[in-house]
Amino acid sequence: MTDRRGFLKASPLAALAGAPAIVAAQPALRWRLASSFPKALDALYAAAEQVAQQVSAATGGRFQIQVFAANEIVPPFGVLDAVREGTVECGHSASYYYIGKDPTFAFDCAMPFGLNSRQQSAWLVDGGGMALLRELFAGYNIVNFPCGNTGAQMGGWFRREIRSVADLKGLKMRIGGYAGQVVSRLGVVPQQIPGADVYPALEKGAIDAAEWVGPYDDLKLGFYKVAPYYYYPGWAEAGPQLTIYVNRQAFDALPADYRQILESACAAAHVGMQARYDARNPAAMKKLIEGGAQLRMFSRDILLALQKEAFALYRETAAANPQFRKVFEPWSRFRSEQHLWTRIAENSVDAFVGRHPVP
């Protein structure tokens, strides 16, 4: 579904209200889902498992989705092509992995200095974003469903302190999506490396820094042991969204009630992922600091330089890519309006509470 009402029907409330009754005549289906994430990153990987479990429960086991971790049947960055070509019926990935095909894919995940998780949901549900993204994915034989958000991430792990824009020059950094192109304009050499390979690269000195997710995942991966400086804010990913990709022909062949169940399961898993991160990140951050991680905030000069380059890049891309421009222009207007409201509402409350804890 591409309209607002269709997306709202797939809300967590719809899922909790119960799926349509399944009659015995409905077909028994077995799908395969290829994930871009390893099982060890359980908060990410669990979203796909949650979808599979809910679909099975709501259909009395008649619709089964088997989830495969990264590299079990498809490489981490091969999920989109596998779904498009029908190698698997569906996949779970981060769309900014595929900006090499079309930079417009970044809008489905995270744009540097873009929307936070609430704003991303608002854009999709009531701001016209879902229709624009459905049009993009249709060109790749895919129906897309939001399925997870980590919330604001961290800025990354660095082997040495970064005090100025000049310190970025020549830095080799694992950083995904559009952010890699942004930092390259300031002299950084971006690297696209799957999560499981980041620690060895840092340890061996093949890279100088790495951006991944946040405390819960980063603690597991042990980055603080080889790159102790932990920078924030996560300018590159304020609200990165994960997505379920479904092969168009496979989706069209589903009975109507199976389609609705699948949509509802994706929506419930979408909310569940951020809840897991929000609940687990504080304790993980405490352990990281106890283990020697040193928190640092990017300087204002660095953030301003990155933001300037990000929007210069967006405007250049929009001038050359009509598909990107079609999404960027309304997205940019929506972003401006959202930031005006957020500054008055959430930001002001959060700032006060942060400065004045309970006496």
Protein backbone atom coordinates (compact mmCIF):
# COMPACT_ATOMS: atom_id res chain seq x y z
CA MET A 1 0.00 0.00 0.00
CA THR A 2 1.33 3.42 -0.87
CA ASP A 3 -1.09 5.76 0.88
CA ARG A 4 -1.29 6.95 4.45
CA ARG A 5 -4.27 4.79 5.41
CA GLY A 6 -2.58 1.68 4.10
CA PHE A 7 0.50 2.30 6.18
CA LEU A 8 -1.54 3.07 9.29
CA LYS A 9 -3.34 -0.25 8.97
CA ALA A 10 0.06 -1.86 9.45
CA SER A 11 0.63 -0.10 12.76
CA PRO A 12 1.58 -1.94 15.95
CA LEU A 13 -1.95 -1.27 17.24
CA ALA A 14 -3.35 -3.13 14.27
CA ALA A 15 -1.00 -5.99 15.00
CA LEU A 16 -2.02 -6.13 18.65
CA ALA A 17 -5.69 -6.10 17.71
CA GLY A 18 -5.22 -9.46 16.05
CA ALA A 19 -4.88 -10.61 12.46
CA PRO A 20 -7.76 -11.75 10.25
CA ALA A 21 -8.92 -15.32 10.79
CA ILE A 22 -7.18 -17.79 8.54
CA VAL A 23 -9.32 -20.44 6.95
CA ALA A 24 -8.00 -23.91 6.28
CA ALA A 25 -8.18 -23.31 2.54
CA GLN A 26 -5.36 -20.77 2.64
CA PRO A 27 -2.09 -22.04 1.11
CA ALA A 28 0.88 -23.28 3.10
CA LEU A 29 3.84 -21.08 2.13
CA ARG A 30 7.54 -21.29 2.88
CA TRP A 31 9.60 -18.16 2.27
CA ARG A 32 13.26 -17.37 2.80
CA LEU A 33 14.46 -14.06 4.24
CA ALA A 34 18.07 -12.96 3.78
CA SER A 35 19.36 -10.57 6.45
CA SER A 36 22.27 -8.17 6.07
CA PHE A 37 23.12 -8.70 9.76
CA PRO A 38 24.81 -11.45 11.78
CA LYS A 39 22.99 -13.17 14.61
CA ALA A 40 25.49 -11.73 17.09
CA LEU A 41 23.98 -8.27 16.49
CA ASP A 42 20.78 -9.50 18.04
CA ALA A 43 18.90 -6.20 18.29
CA LEU A 44 19.21 -5.75 14.52
CA TYR A 45 18.76 -9.39 13.56
CA ALA A 46 15.82 -9.90 15.94
CA ALA A 47 13.51 -7.67 13.90
CA ALA A 48 13.40 -10.17 11.04
CA GLU A 49 12.93 -13.04 13.49
CA GLN A 50 10.05 -11.15 15.10
CA VAL A 51 8.37 -10.73 11.72
CA ALA A 52 8.72 -14.44 10.98
CA GLN A 53 7.36 -15.46 14.37
CA GLN A 54 4.36 -13.15 14.20
CA VAL A 55 3.47 -14.18 10.65
CA SER A 56 3.61 -17.85 11.62
CA ALA A 57 1.52 -17.33 14.76
CA ALA A 58 -1.13 -15.28 12.95
CA THR A 59 -1.53 -17.87 10.19
CA GLY A 60 -1.54 -20.97 12.36
CA GLY A 61 1.86 -21.91 10.96
CA ARG A 62 0.68 -21.92 7.36
CA PHE A 63 2.91 -19.02 6.31
CA GLN A 64 6.49 -19.70 7.39
CA ILE A 65 9.45 -17.36 6.84
CA GLN A 66 12.90 -18.81 7.48
CA VAL A 67 15.46 -16.14 8.40
CA PHE A 68 19.07 -16.48 7.27
CA ALA A 69 21.84 -14.36 8.77
CA ALA A 70 24.36 -12.43 6.68
CA ASN A 71 26.52 -14.69 4.49
CA GLU A 72 24.45 -17.81 5.15
CA ILE A 73 22.86 -17.61 1.71
CA VAL A 74 23.43 -13.99 0.63
CA PRO A 75 26.30 -11.54 1.33
CA PRO A 76 25.43 -8.59 3.61
CA PHE A 77 25.36 -6.11 0.74
CA GLY A 78 23.68 -8.50 -1.73
CA VAL A 79 20.23 -8.57 -0.15
CA LEU A 80 18.54 -6.06 -2.44
CA ASP A 81 19.64 -7.87 -5.61
CA ALA A 82 18.68 -11.25 -4.18
CA VAL A 83 15.14 -10.04 -3.50
CA ARG A 84 14.85 -8.19 -6.80
CA GLU A 85 15.88 -11.27 -8.75
CA GLY A 86 13.70 -13.64 -6.74
CA THR A 87 16.62 -15.62 -5.31
CA VAL A 88 14.83 -15.13 -1.98
CA GLU A 89 11.29 -13.91 -1.40
CA CYS A 90 12.30 -11.22 1.07
CA GLY A 91 15.20 -9.58 2.88
CA HIS A 92 16.06 -7.27 5.76
CA SER A 93 18.66 -4.59 5.18
CA ALA A 94 19.74 -0.96 5.47
CA SER A 95 18.89 0.81 2.22
CA TYR A 96 21.86 3.16 2.33
CA TYR A 97 24.02 0.15 1.50
CA TYR A 98 22.72 0.51 -2.05
CA ILE A 99 23.41 4.15 -2.85
CA GLY A 100 25.81 2.93 -5.52
CA LYS A 101 22.73 1.88 -7.49
CA ASP A 102 20.86 5.11 -6.75
CA PRO A 103 21.67 7.66 -4.01
CA THR A 104 17.92 8.04 -3.43
CA PHE A 105 18.03 4.82 -1.41
CA ALA A 106 19.61 6.77 1.45
CA PHE A 107 16.27 8.45 2.20
CA ASP A 108 14.93 5.03 3.22
CA CYS A 109 17.59 4.69 5.91
CA ALA A 110 19.55 7.77 7.00
CA MET A 111 20.73 11.06 5.57
CA PRO A 112 23.51 12.92 7.39
CA PHE A 113 21.98 15.75 9.43
CA GLY A 114 18.58 14.36 8.45
CA LEU A 115 15.54 13.11 10.32
CA ASN A 116 15.52 11.45 13.71
CA SER A 117 13.48 8.28 14.21
CA ARG A 118 10.23 10.03 15.14
CA GLN A 119 10.57 12.46 12.26
CA GLN A 120 11.31 9.62 9.86
CA SER A 121 8.12 7.84 10.93
CA ALA A 122 6.16 11.09 10.61
CA TRP A 123 7.51 11.62 7.10
CA LEU A 124 6.52 8.10 6.06
CA VAL A 125 3.11 7.90 7.71
CA ASP A 126 1.79 11.42 7.21
CA GLY A 127 4.37 13.38 5.24
CA GLY A 128 4.25 11.69 1.84
CA GLY A 129 7.49 9.78 2.23
CA MET A 130 6.08 6.29 1.84
CA ALA A 131 4.60 6.98 -1.59
CA LEU A 132 7.92 8.39 -2.81
CA LEU A 133 9.89 5.41 -1.53
CA ARG A 134 7.41 2.89 -2.90
CA GLU A 135 7.90 4.43 -6.33
CA LEU A 136 11.68 4.09 -5.97
CA PHE A 137 11.53 0.44 -4.91
CA ALA A 138 9.00 -0.43 -7.61
CA GLY A 139 11.78 0.14 -10.12
CA TYR A 140 13.70 -2.67 -8.42
CA ASN A 141 10.79 -5.14 -8.34
CA ILE A 142 10.46 -4.70 -4.57
CA VAL A 143 7.72 -3.77 -2.10
CA ASN A 144 9.29 -2.10 0.97
CA PHE A 145 8.16 -2.07 4.59
CA PRO A 146 9.85 -0.11 7.40
CA CYS A 147 11.17 -2.65 9.89
CA GLY A 148 13.28 -1.22 12.65
CA ASN A 149 15.08 1.92 13.74
CA THR A 150 18.07 2.13 16.06
CA GLY A 151 17.37 5.68 17.16
CA ALA A 152 20.20 8.22 17.15
CA GLN A 153 23.56 6.54 16.79
CA MET A 154 27.01 7.55 17.98
CA GLY A 155 29.59 9.38 15.90
CA GLY A 156 32.14 6.60 15.91
CA TRP A 157 35.31 5.16 17.45
CA PHE A 158 38.68 6.78 16.79
CA ARG A 159 42.20 5.59 17.51
CA ARG A 160 43.24 9.19 18.21
CA GLU A 161 41.48 12.39 19.23
CA ILE A 162 39.90 14.54 16.52
CA ARG A 163 40.09 18.18 17.58
CA SER A 164 39.74 20.02 14.28
CA VAL A 165 38.66 19.64 10.67
CA ALA A 166 42.34 19.33 9.76
CA ASP A 167 42.58 16.16 11.88
CA LEU A 168 40.14 14.43 9.54
CA LYS A 169 42.40 14.66 6.51
CA GLY A 170 43.79 11.27 5.50
CA LEU A 171 41.79 9.40 8.15
CA LYS A 172 40.70 5.92 7.01
CA MET A 173 37.21 5.34 8.44
CA ARG A 174 34.59 2.65 8.19
CA ILE A 175 31.43 4.65 7.60
CA GLY A 176 28.35 3.66 5.65
CA GLY A 177 25.85 5.31 3.37
CA TYR A 178 25.95 8.88 2.21
CA ALA A 179 28.08 9.82 5.20
CA GLY A 180 31.10 8.29 3.49
CA GLN A 181 30.75 10.71 0.61
CA VAL A 182 30.32 13.63 3.01
CA VAL A 183 33.49 12.92 5.01
CA SER A 184 35.47 12.28 1.84
CA ARG A 185 34.93 15.94 0.94
CA LEU A 186 36.93 16.80 4.07
CA GLY A 187 39.76 14.41 3.28
CA VAL A 188 38.58 11.22 5.02
CA VAL A 189 39.04 7.94 3.13
CA PRO A 190 35.72 6.09 3.69
CA GLN A 191 35.56 2.29 3.89
CA GLN A 192 32.44 0.12 3.49
CA ILE A 193 33.08 -2.87 5.78
CA PRO A 194 30.52 -5.34 7.22
CA GLY A 195 30.15 -5.26 11.00
CA ALA A 196 31.96 -8.54 11.65
CA ASP A 197 35.11 -7.27 9.90
CA VAL A 198 35.38 -3.87 11.59
CA TYR A 199 37.23 -4.90 14.77
CA PRO A 200 40.04 -6.75 12.95
CA ALA A 201 40.48 -3.78 10.62
CA LEU A 202 40.80 -1.40 13.58
CA GLU A 203 43.10 -3.73 15.48
CA LYS A 204 45.47 -4.17 12.53
CA GLY A 205 45.48 -0.44 11.73
CA ALA A 206 43.89 -0.97 8.34
CA ILE A 207 41.44 1.76 9.39
CA ASP A 208 41.77 4.60 11.90
CA ALA A 209 38.15 4.95 12.91
CA ALA A 210 34.78 3.24 12.60
CA GLU A 211 31.17 4.24 12.90
CA TRP A 212 28.78 1.41 13.68
CA VAL A 213 25.60 1.81 15.76
CA GLY A 214 25.71 2.67 19.46
CA PRO A 215 26.66 1.37 22.91
CA TYR A 216 24.71 -1.91 22.91
CA ASP A 217 26.18 -3.22 19.66
CA ASP A 218 29.52 -1.46 19.97
CA LEU A 219 30.17 -3.05 23.37
CA LYS A 220 29.71 -6.52 21.88
CA LEU A 221 32.09 -5.75 19.05
CA GLY A 222 34.78 -4.51 21.44
CA PHE A 223 35.80 -1.41 19.53
CA TYR A 224 36.80 0.41 22.73
CA LYS A 225 39.72 -1.97 23.15
CA VAL A 226 41.47 -0.74 20.00
CA ALA A 227 39.97 2.72 19.38
CA PRO A 228 39.16 4.29 22.77
CA TYR A 229 37.82 7.71 21.71
CA TYR A 230 34.03 7.49 21.39
CA TYR A 231 32.60 10.52 19.61
CA TYR A 232 29.12 11.98 19.51
CA PRO A 233 26.66 13.21 18.27
CA GLY A 234 25.77 10.76 15.51
CA TRP A 235 25.48 13.39 12.81
CA ALA A 236 25.49 10.72 10.11
CA GLU A 237 22.55 8.74 11.46
CA ALA A 238 20.04 10.55 13.63
CA GLY A 239 17.33 7.97 12.99
CA PRO A 240 18.48 5.18 10.69
CA GLN A 241 15.69 2.92 9.53
CA LEU A 242 15.93 -0.72 8.51
CA THR A 243 13.62 -2.15 5.86
CA ILE A 244 12.01 -5.43 4.84
CA TYR A 245 12.24 -5.96 1.08
CA VAL A 246 9.65 -8.24 -0.56
CA ASN A 247 9.87 -9.48 -4.12
CA ARG A 248 7.00 -7.92 -6.06
CA GLN A 249 5.79 -11.16 -7.65
CA ALA A 250 5.95 -13.02 -4.33
CA PHE A 251 3.97 -10.27 -2.60
CA ASP A 252 1.33 -10.08 -5.34
CA ALA A 253 0.83 -13.86 -5.10
CA LEU A 254 -0.02 -13.67 -1.38
CA PRO A 255 -3.66 -13.91 -0.27
CA ALA A 256 -4.95 -10.54 0.94
CA ASP A 257 -5.00 -11.57 4.58
CA TYR A 258 -1.42 -12.83 4.42
CA ARG A 259 -0.37 -9.46 3.01
CA GLN A 260 -2.02 -7.64 5.89
CA ILE A 261 -0.44 -9.96 8.43
CA LEU A 262 2.99 -9.40 6.92
CA GLU A 263 2.53 -5.61 6.99
CA SER A 264 1.38 -5.69 10.61
CA ALA A 265 4.29 -7.90 11.63
CA CYS A 266 6.79 -5.49 10.03
CA ALA A 267 5.19 -2.54 11.81
CA ALA A 268 5.35 -4.26 15.21
CA ALA A 269 9.00 -5.22 14.67
CA HIS A 270 9.73 -1.65 13.58
CA VAL A 271 8.69 -0.36 17.00
CA GLY A 272 10.31 -3.26 18.82
CA MET A 273 13.81 -2.59 17.53
CA GLN A 274 14.04 0.94 18.83
CA ALA A 275 12.53 -0.13 22.16
CA ARG A 276 15.33 -2.68 22.53
CA TYR A 277 18.03 -0.13 21.79
CA ASP A 278 16.52 2.53 24.04
CA ALA A 279 16.27 0.03 26.90
CA ARG A 280 19.75 -1.47 26.49
CA ASN A 281 22.00 1.43 25.44
CA PRO A 282 22.29 3.16 28.85
CA ALA A 283 23.70 0.12 30.67
CA ALA A 284 26.00 -0.62 27.74
CA MET A 285 27.33 2.93 27.76
CA LYS A 286 28.15 2.62 31.46
CA LYS A 287 30.10 -0.60 30.79
CA LEU A 288 31.99 0.99 27.92
CA ILE A 289 33.15 3.87 30.10
CA GLU A 290 34.12 1.48 32.87
CA GLY A 291 36.11 -0.45 30.26
CA GLY A 292 38.11 2.59 29.23
CA ALA A 293 36.06 4.26 26.50
CA GLN A 294 36.60 8.02 26.49
CA LEU A 295 33.61 10.09 25.45
CA ARG A 296 34.31 13.07 23.23
CA MET A 297 31.99 15.52 21.47
CA PHE A 298 32.75 16.64 17.94
CA SER A 299 33.65 20.31 17.92
CA ARG A 300 31.18 22.84 16.57
CA ASP A 301 33.57 23.63 13.72
CA ILE A 302 33.70 19.98 12.65
CA LEU A 303 29.92 19.59 12.76
CA LEU A 304 29.36 22.81 10.80
CA ALA A 305 31.88 21.75 8.16
CA LEU A 306 30.25 18.32 7.82
CA GLN A 307 26.77 19.80 7.56
CA LYS A 308 27.87 22.30 4.92
CA GLU A 309 29.39 19.53 2.81
CA ALA A 310 26.36 17.27 3.28
CA PHE A 311 23.89 19.76 1.87
CA ALA A 312 26.23 20.83 -0.89
CA LEU A 313 26.40 17.17 -1.90
CA TYR A 314 22.61 16.83 -1.76
CA ARG A 315 22.09 19.82 -4.02
CA GLU A 316 24.68 18.58 -6.50
CA THR A 317 23.06 15.14 -6.56
CA ALA A 318 19.59 16.61 -6.95
CA ALA A 319 20.76 18.64 -9.95
CA ALA A 320 22.06 15.50 -11.66
CA ASN A 321 19.54 12.86 -10.56
CA PRO A 322 15.79 13.48 -11.18
CA GLN A 323 14.73 10.60 -8.90
CA PHE A 324 16.81 11.99 -6.04
CA ARG A 325 15.49 15.50 -6.65
CA LYS A 326 11.88 14.25 -6.58
CA VAL A 327 12.42 12.97 -3.03
CA PHE A 328 14.93 15.53 -1.77
CA GLU A 329 12.82 18.64 -2.34
CA PRO A 330 9.74 17.57 -0.30
CA TRP A 331 11.97 15.80 2.25
CA SER A 332 13.97 18.99 2.75
CA ARG A 333 10.82 21.06 3.32
CA PHE A 334 9.51 18.47 5.78
CA ARG A 335 12.83 18.42 7.62
CA SER A 336 12.84 22.20 8.07
CA GLU A 337 9.31 22.21 9.47
CA GLN A 338 10.06 19.30 11.80
CA HIS A 339 13.16 20.92 13.25
CA LEU A 340 11.27 24.10 14.05
CA TRP A 341 8.72 22.11 16.06
CA THR A 342 11.21 19.71 17.64
CA ARG A 343 13.32 22.60 18.88
CA ILE A 344 10.29 23.99 20.73
CA ALA A 345 9.00 20.65 22.00
CA GLU A 346 11.27 17.62 22.63
CA ASN A 347 14.59 19.46 22.48
CA SER A 348 13.64 22.02 25.11
CA VAL A 349 12.32 19.40 27.53
CA ASP A 350 15.28 17.09 27.01
CA ALA A 351 17.76 19.93 27.48
CA PHE A 352 16.18 21.04 30.75
CA VAL A 353 15.92 17.55 32.20
CA GLY A 354 19.51 16.80 31.18
CA ARG A 355 20.82 19.93 32.90
CA HIS A 356 18.63 19.62 35.99
CA PRO A 357 18.35 16.04 37.25
CA VAL A 358 15.87 15.25 40.01
CA PRO A 359 17.03 16.97 43.24
